[in-house]
Amino acid sequence: MRVYITDTTLREGIQSPSLELSLEERYALFNHLVSLNFYEIEVGVPAKGEEEREYIRKLTKGEHADRVIVWNRANIKDIEYSLSCNVKKVEVAFPVSDIMIEKKLRKSREYLKGLAKEIVPCCKEKGLYLSVGLEDASRADYNFLLEFVELVKTHGADRVRLSDTVGVMNPLSVAKVVKDLSNITDVEVHFHNDFGMATANAVVAVMSGAKFVNSSLLGLGERCGITPTEEVVIYLEVILGINTGIDIRKLYEKIREFVNMTGIKVHDNKPIIGTNAFTNKSRIHIDGLSKSKDTYLPFDPQLIGEMSKICKGYYS
């Protein structure tokens, strides 16, 4: 089984209140992500401005242009900006919940369907690979969601991005919607982590048929962020044996380089990357580990280029 990871640190991650990157740092991070062999790298938003477009053009002129995907709002001008960057892949976000349609767009469902009938064929006529983003899908009317996905598929969308914009989904609700949408088209998932569910939701989505997963290094993104790349990749690869294409041997090293470059603070207990992630302290655990690492570690940390550790304390 193969699952494709789209790392979105360079777009969603930069929306984190904790992260600002210079253009040179963004280029460096792109090369970091390429070295880890991500299938796609969401690099930015062409409509942001000319500086952003020049940065994206530099990436699309390079040897890894095929990995570049960019984010767009659902309007023709945004698509034109993307085309000016010579990209081959776009994600176009359509707000699909009534909350977003009525309160943000101040429009109707019929308006949104009409917009999709205009935007989707436009992208395909220009030769773009198109992922249709279903913004706030987790709060959308379910029948309308299915109807909208059928519509964009009929008009040529290559896949849809199921976006849990405010992080309210759980594994049971994820399993149902991913199975239903997968009967219509290929599914990409984008889970926010407002309730700490993003990794579990992404794993269940893959087990339910999703072929594409969005993630970011350390889970960086708006508010509480999204699915952390290191968590979902290692769980899929090591625990479930699912091929993500990522070079996990370099993952720890590259994320640590990213941490050093940005000064991002990582909690000691952060899964996979925290300083305590593979450290045991109690006497019972240390005794077990002296007999077999399998006893108190979920996997051998050497798989990702890290070592297990012990420390002494009250219960040692």
Protein backbone atom coordinates (compact mmCIF):
# COMPACT_ATOMS: atom_id res chain seq x y z
CA MET A 1 0.00 0.00 0.00
CA ARG A 2 1.26 3.51 -0.82
CA VAL A 3 0.15 6.78 0.72
CA TYR A 4 1.31 10.17 -0.55
CA ILE A 5 2.35 12.86 1.93
CA THR A 6 1.98 16.53 1.06
CA ASP A 7 4.07 18.53 3.49
CA THR A 8 2.60 21.98 3.96
CA THR A 9 5.08 23.53 6.40
CA LEU A 10 5.86 26.20 3.79
CA ARG A 11 2.21 27.26 3.61
CA GLU A 12 0.15 26.09 6.59
CA GLY A 13 3.20 25.99 8.87
CA ILE A 14 4.05 29.61 8.18
CA GLN A 15 0.52 30.50 9.30
CA SER A 16 1.54 29.43 12.81
CA PRO A 17 1.82 32.38 15.23
CA SER A 18 5.13 30.82 16.31
CA LEU A 19 6.88 30.77 12.94
CA GLU A 20 8.28 33.36 10.55
CA LEU A 21 10.70 32.41 7.77
CA SER A 22 12.76 34.58 5.47
CA LEU A 23 12.78 33.75 1.77
CA GLU A 24 16.23 32.20 2.11
CA GLU A 25 14.99 30.04 4.98
CA ARG A 26 12.02 28.96 2.85
CA TYR A 27 14.35 27.88 0.04
CA ALA A 28 16.48 25.98 2.55
CA LEU A 29 13.42 24.29 4.02
CA PHE A 30 12.19 23.30 0.57
CA ASN A 31 15.51 21.54 -0.03
CA HIS A 32 15.23 19.84 3.38
CA LEU A 33 11.80 18.52 2.43
CA VAL A 34 13.02 17.37 -0.98
CA SER A 35 15.82 15.42 0.71
CA LEU A 36 13.19 13.56 2.75
CA ASN A 37 11.41 12.63 -0.50
CA PHE A 38 7.97 14.16 0.03
CA TYR A 39 5.62 13.43 -2.84
CA GLU A 40 4.35 17.03 -2.83
CA ILE A 41 5.38 20.21 -1.05
CA GLU A 42 2.78 22.95 -0.69
CA VAL A 43 5.01 25.99 -1.01
CA GLY A 44 2.76 29.02 -0.71
CA VAL A 45 0.00 31.27 -2.03
CA PRO A 46 0.67 32.99 -5.39
CA ALA A 47 -2.07 35.58 -4.76
CA LYS A 48 -0.12 36.85 -1.73
CA GLY A 49 2.00 39.17 -3.89
CA GLU A 50 4.80 39.49 -6.42
CA GLU A 51 7.53 38.56 -3.93
CA GLU A 52 5.70 35.32 -3.19
CA ARG A 53 5.30 34.62 -6.90
CA GLU A 54 8.99 35.22 -7.59
CA TYR A 55 9.89 32.79 -4.81
CA ILE A 56 7.55 30.16 -6.29
CA ARG A 57 8.89 30.74 -9.82
CA LYS A 58 12.38 30.02 -8.57
CA LEU A 59 11.16 26.66 -7.24
CA THR A 60 9.30 25.77 -10.43
CA LYS A 61 12.44 26.48 -12.47
CA GLY A 62 14.36 23.89 -10.44
CA GLU A 63 14.70 20.15 -10.86
CA HIS A 64 12.02 19.44 -8.26
CA ALA A 65 9.24 21.49 -9.86
CA ASP A 66 7.06 18.38 -10.05
CA ARG A 67 6.77 18.35 -6.25
CA VAL A 68 5.41 21.91 -6.03
CA ILE A 69 1.73 22.53 -5.30
CA VAL A 70 0.22 25.92 -4.37
CA TRP A 71 -2.89 27.07 -2.49
CA ASN A 72 -5.60 29.23 -4.07
CA ARG A 73 -8.94 30.73 -3.25
CA ALA A 74 -11.82 29.82 -5.54
CA ASN A 75 -11.51 32.66 -8.01
CA ILE A 76 -10.11 33.03 -11.52
CA LYS A 77 -7.57 35.69 -10.53
CA ASP A 78 -5.91 33.34 -8.06
CA ILE A 79 -5.64 30.68 -10.78
CA GLU A 80 -4.05 33.23 -13.12
CA TYR A 81 -1.47 34.09 -10.45
CA SER A 82 -0.66 30.39 -10.08
CA LEU A 83 -0.29 29.98 -13.83
CA SER A 84 2.13 32.92 -13.87
CA CYS A 85 4.33 30.89 -11.50
CA ASN A 86 4.50 27.98 -13.95
CA VAL A 87 3.10 25.51 -11.45
CA LYS A 88 1.58 22.23 -12.59
CA LYS A 89 -0.49 21.49 -9.48
CA VAL A 90 -2.98 23.64 -7.57
CA GLU A 91 -5.20 23.29 -4.55
CA VAL A 92 -8.31 25.46 -4.80
CA ALA A 93 -10.30 25.92 -1.59
CA PHE A 94 -14.10 26.03 -1.69
CA PRO A 95 -15.85 26.78 1.63
CA VAL A 96 -18.52 24.04 1.83
CA SER A 97 -20.19 24.53 5.22
CA ASP A 98 -23.19 26.81 5.53
CA ILE A 99 -21.25 28.71 8.20
CA MET A 100 -18.55 29.56 5.66
CA ILE A 101 -20.83 29.97 2.64
CA GLU A 102 -23.29 32.27 4.37
CA LYS A 103 -21.20 34.07 6.99
CA LYS A 104 -17.86 34.39 5.19
CA LEU A 105 -18.79 34.48 1.52
CA ARG A 106 -22.30 35.85 2.15
CA LYS A 107 -23.47 33.61 -0.67
CA SER A 108 -25.58 30.47 -1.17
CA ARG A 109 -24.96 26.81 -1.95
CA GLU A 110 -26.17 27.41 -5.49
CA TYR A 111 -23.59 30.17 -5.90
CA LEU A 112 -20.84 27.80 -4.74
CA LYS A 113 -21.90 25.11 -7.20
CA GLY A 114 -21.91 27.66 -10.00
CA LEU A 115 -18.45 28.82 -8.97
CA ALA A 116 -17.17 25.23 -9.06
CA LYS A 117 -18.59 24.76 -12.56
CA GLU A 118 -16.51 27.76 -13.63
CA ILE A 119 -13.26 27.20 -11.69
CA VAL A 120 -12.77 23.44 -12.11
CA PRO A 121 -13.01 23.39 -15.94
CA CYS A 122 -10.81 26.49 -16.10
CA CYS A 123 -8.04 24.71 -14.18
CA LYS A 124 -8.30 21.59 -16.32
CA GLU A 125 -8.34 23.55 -19.59
CA LYS A 126 -5.06 25.13 -18.49
CA GLY A 127 -3.54 21.68 -17.93
CA LEU A 128 -3.39 21.93 -14.14
CA TYR A 129 -3.59 19.00 -11.76
CA LEU A 130 -6.40 20.03 -9.41
CA SER A 131 -7.10 19.22 -5.79
CA VAL A 132 -10.42 20.76 -4.75
CA GLY A 133 -10.25 21.84 -1.13
CA LEU A 134 -13.42 21.25 0.88
CA GLU A 135 -12.94 23.96 3.47
CA ASP A 136 -14.79 23.29 6.74
CA ALA A 137 -16.09 19.98 5.38
CA SER A 138 -16.44 18.68 8.93
CA ARG A 139 -19.28 21.16 9.58
CA ALA A 140 -20.91 20.94 6.15
CA ASP A 141 -24.35 19.49 5.47
CA TYR A 142 -23.46 15.90 4.62
CA ASN A 143 -25.73 15.48 1.63
CA PHE A 144 -24.52 18.78 0.18
CA LEU A 145 -20.91 17.71 0.74
CA LEU A 146 -21.45 14.52 -1.25
CA GLU A 147 -23.32 16.42 -3.96
CA PHE A 148 -20.53 18.98 -4.25
CA VAL A 149 -17.84 16.29 -4.51
CA GLU A 150 -19.82 14.54 -7.24
CA LEU A 151 -20.09 17.86 -9.07
CA VAL A 152 -16.37 18.72 -9.00
CA LYS A 153 -15.42 15.18 -9.97
CA THR A 154 -17.81 15.33 -12.93
CA HIS A 155 -16.18 18.58 -14.05
CA GLY A 156 -12.66 17.15 -13.91
CA ALA A 157 -11.18 17.55 -10.41
CA ASP A 158 -8.35 15.07 -9.82
CA ARG A 159 -8.95 14.73 -6.09
CA VAL A 160 -10.64 16.46 -3.17
CA ARG A 161 -9.07 17.69 0.04
CA LEU A 162 -11.22 16.94 3.07
CA SER A 163 -10.44 19.82 5.43
CA ASP A 164 -11.32 19.66 9.11
CA THR A 165 -10.79 23.39 9.40
CA VAL A 166 -11.51 23.80 13.12
CA GLY A 167 -10.42 20.34 14.26
CA VAL A 168 -13.78 18.92 15.37
CA MET A 169 -13.66 15.51 13.68
CA ASN A 170 -12.91 12.23 15.44
CA PRO A 171 -11.76 8.85 14.09
CA LEU A 172 -15.31 7.48 13.81
CA SER A 173 -16.59 10.45 11.81
CA VAL A 174 -13.42 10.45 9.70
CA ALA A 175 -13.82 6.79 8.78
CA LYS A 176 -17.35 7.32 7.49
CA VAL A 177 -16.74 10.42 5.40
CA VAL A 178 -13.48 9.16 3.89
CA LYS A 179 -15.08 5.87 2.87
CA ASP A 180 -18.01 7.71 1.29
CA LEU A 181 -15.86 10.25 -0.55
CA SER A 182 -13.43 7.55 -1.71
CA ASN A 183 -16.32 5.93 -3.56
CA ILE A 184 -16.48 9.12 -5.65
CA THR A 185 -12.87 10.23 -6.12
CA ASP A 186 -9.36 10.20 -4.63
CA VAL A 187 -9.27 11.76 -1.17
CA GLU A 188 -6.65 13.97 0.45
CA VAL A 189 -7.03 14.87 4.14
CA HIS A 190 -6.11 18.00 6.09
CA PHE A 191 -6.80 17.79 9.83
CA HIS A 192 -6.43 20.61 12.33
CA ASN A 193 -5.36 19.71 15.84
CA ASP A 194 -7.57 21.88 18.05
CA PHE A 195 -8.55 18.86 20.18
CA GLY A 196 -5.39 16.79 19.72
CA MET A 197 -7.02 14.48 17.16
CA ALA A 198 -5.02 15.30 14.03
CA THR A 199 -2.63 12.34 14.00
CA ALA A 200 -5.28 9.77 14.91
CA ASN A 201 -7.66 11.21 12.33
CA ALA A 202 -5.00 11.08 9.61
CA VAL A 203 -4.14 7.46 10.41
CA VAL A 204 -7.79 6.40 10.38
CA ALA A 205 -8.31 8.31 7.13
CA VAL A 206 -5.55 6.27 5.48
CA MET A 207 -7.01 3.05 6.87
CA SER A 208 -10.37 4.12 5.42
CA GLY A 209 -9.10 4.81 1.92
CA ALA A 210 -7.47 8.26 1.82
CA LYS A 211 -4.53 8.30 -0.60
CA PHE A 212 -3.08 11.70 0.29
CA VAL A 213 -2.27 13.21 3.71
CA ASN A 214 -1.38 16.81 4.54
CA SER A 215 1.08 17.37 7.36
CA SER A 216 3.65 19.86 8.59
CA LEU A 217 6.87 19.59 10.54
CA LEU A 218 6.07 19.59 14.27
CA GLY A 219 2.40 20.04 13.31
CA LEU A 220 2.88 23.78 12.81
CA GLY A 221 -0.09 25.75 11.50
CA GLU A 222 -2.99 28.03 12.41
CA ARG A 223 -3.97 27.94 16.10
CA CYS A 224 -3.05 24.43 17.34
CA GLY A 225 -1.65 23.37 13.99
CA ILE A 226 -2.30 20.26 11.90
CA THR A 227 -1.15 16.65 11.67
CA PRO A 228 2.58 16.52 12.55
CA THR A 229 4.61 15.03 9.71
CA GLU A 230 6.90 13.09 12.03
CA GLU A 231 4.00 11.45 13.90
CA VAL A 232 1.86 10.36 10.98
CA VAL A 233 4.79 9.22 8.83
CA ILE A 234 6.39 7.12 11.56
CA TYR A 235 3.09 5.57 12.63
CA LEU A 236 2.17 4.64 9.06
CA GLU A 237 5.65 3.34 8.20
CA VAL A 238 6.71 1.61 11.42
CA ILE A 239 3.47 0.50 13.07
CA LEU A 240 1.24 -0.15 10.06
CA GLY A 241 3.91 -0.95 7.47
CA ILE A 242 2.43 1.52 4.96
CA ASN A 243 4.83 3.05 2.45
CA THR A 244 4.86 6.87 2.52
CA GLY A 245 7.96 7.26 0.36
CA ILE A 246 9.60 9.34 3.11
CA ASP A 247 13.21 8.61 4.06
CA ILE A 248 12.56 8.06 7.76
CA ARG A 249 16.27 7.52 8.49
CA LYS A 250 16.80 11.26 7.93
CA LEU A 251 13.59 12.49 9.55
CA TYR A 252 14.87 13.16 13.08
CA GLU A 253 18.03 14.87 11.83
CA LYS A 254 16.20 17.12 9.36
CA ILE A 255 13.55 18.18 11.86
CA ARG A 256 16.25 18.97 14.42
CA GLU A 257 17.98 21.12 11.79
CA PHE A 258 14.65 22.88 11.20
CA VAL A 259 14.29 23.48 14.95
CA ASN A 260 17.79 24.93 15.14
CA MET A 261 17.19 27.13 12.09
CA THR A 262 13.93 28.60 13.38
CA GLY A 263 14.37 28.59 17.14
CA ILE A 264 10.99 26.86 17.53
CA LYS A 265 10.54 25.52 21.06
CA VAL A 266 9.85 21.79 21.19
CA HIS A 267 8.27 20.34 24.33
CA ASP A 268 10.34 17.59 25.95
CA ASN A 269 7.39 15.18 25.66
CA LYS A 270 6.77 15.85 21.95
CA PRO A 271 6.28 12.47 20.23
CA ILE A 272 9.15 11.33 18.01
CA ILE A 273 11.18 14.55 18.25
CA GLY A 274 11.09 15.60 21.94
CA THR A 275 14.15 15.00 24.12
CA ASN A 276 12.14 12.60 26.29
CA ALA A 277 10.59 10.67 23.39
CA PHE A 278 12.87 7.65 23.84
CA THR A 279 13.96 8.19 27.46
CA ASN A 280 12.91 5.92 30.34
CA LYS A 281 13.41 6.65 34.03
CA SER A 282 11.74 4.09 36.32
CA ARG A 283 13.69 1.07 37.61
CA ILE A 284 11.12 -1.34 36.19
CA HIS A 285 11.45 0.18 32.73
CA ILE A 286 15.26 0.31 32.86
CA ASP A 287 15.38 -3.35 33.92
CA GLY A 288 13.08 -4.32 31.07
CA LEU A 289 15.12 -2.36 28.54
CA SER A 290 18.33 -4.05 29.72
CA LYS A 291 16.75 -7.35 28.62
CA SER A 292 15.07 -6.15 25.43
CA LYS A 293 14.40 -2.76 23.85
CA ASP A 294 11.01 -4.09 22.80
CA THR A 295 9.76 -3.95 26.38
CA TYR A 296 9.39 -0.20 26.84
CA LEU A 297 9.90 1.37 23.43
CA PRO A 298 7.27 1.40 20.65
CA PHE A 299 10.00 0.98 18.03
CA ASP A 300 13.79 1.13 17.75
CA PRO A 301 14.67 4.84 17.57
CA GLN A 302 17.71 3.98 15.46
CA LEU A 303 15.24 3.60 12.59
CA ILE A 304 15.00 7.40 12.52
CA GLY A 305 18.59 8.13 13.51
CA GLU A 306 18.04 8.56 17.26
CA MET A 307 19.09 6.55 20.33
CA SER A 308 17.19 5.31 23.37
CA LYS A 309 18.23 6.80 26.71
CA ILE A 310 17.76 6.26 30.42
CA CYS A 311 17.94 8.72 33.27
CA LYS A 312 18.05 8.34 37.05
CA GLY A 313 15.50 9.70 39.47
CA TYR A 314 13.20 8.99 42.42
CA TYR A 315 11.80 5.70 41.05
CA SER A 316 15.05 4.52 39.45
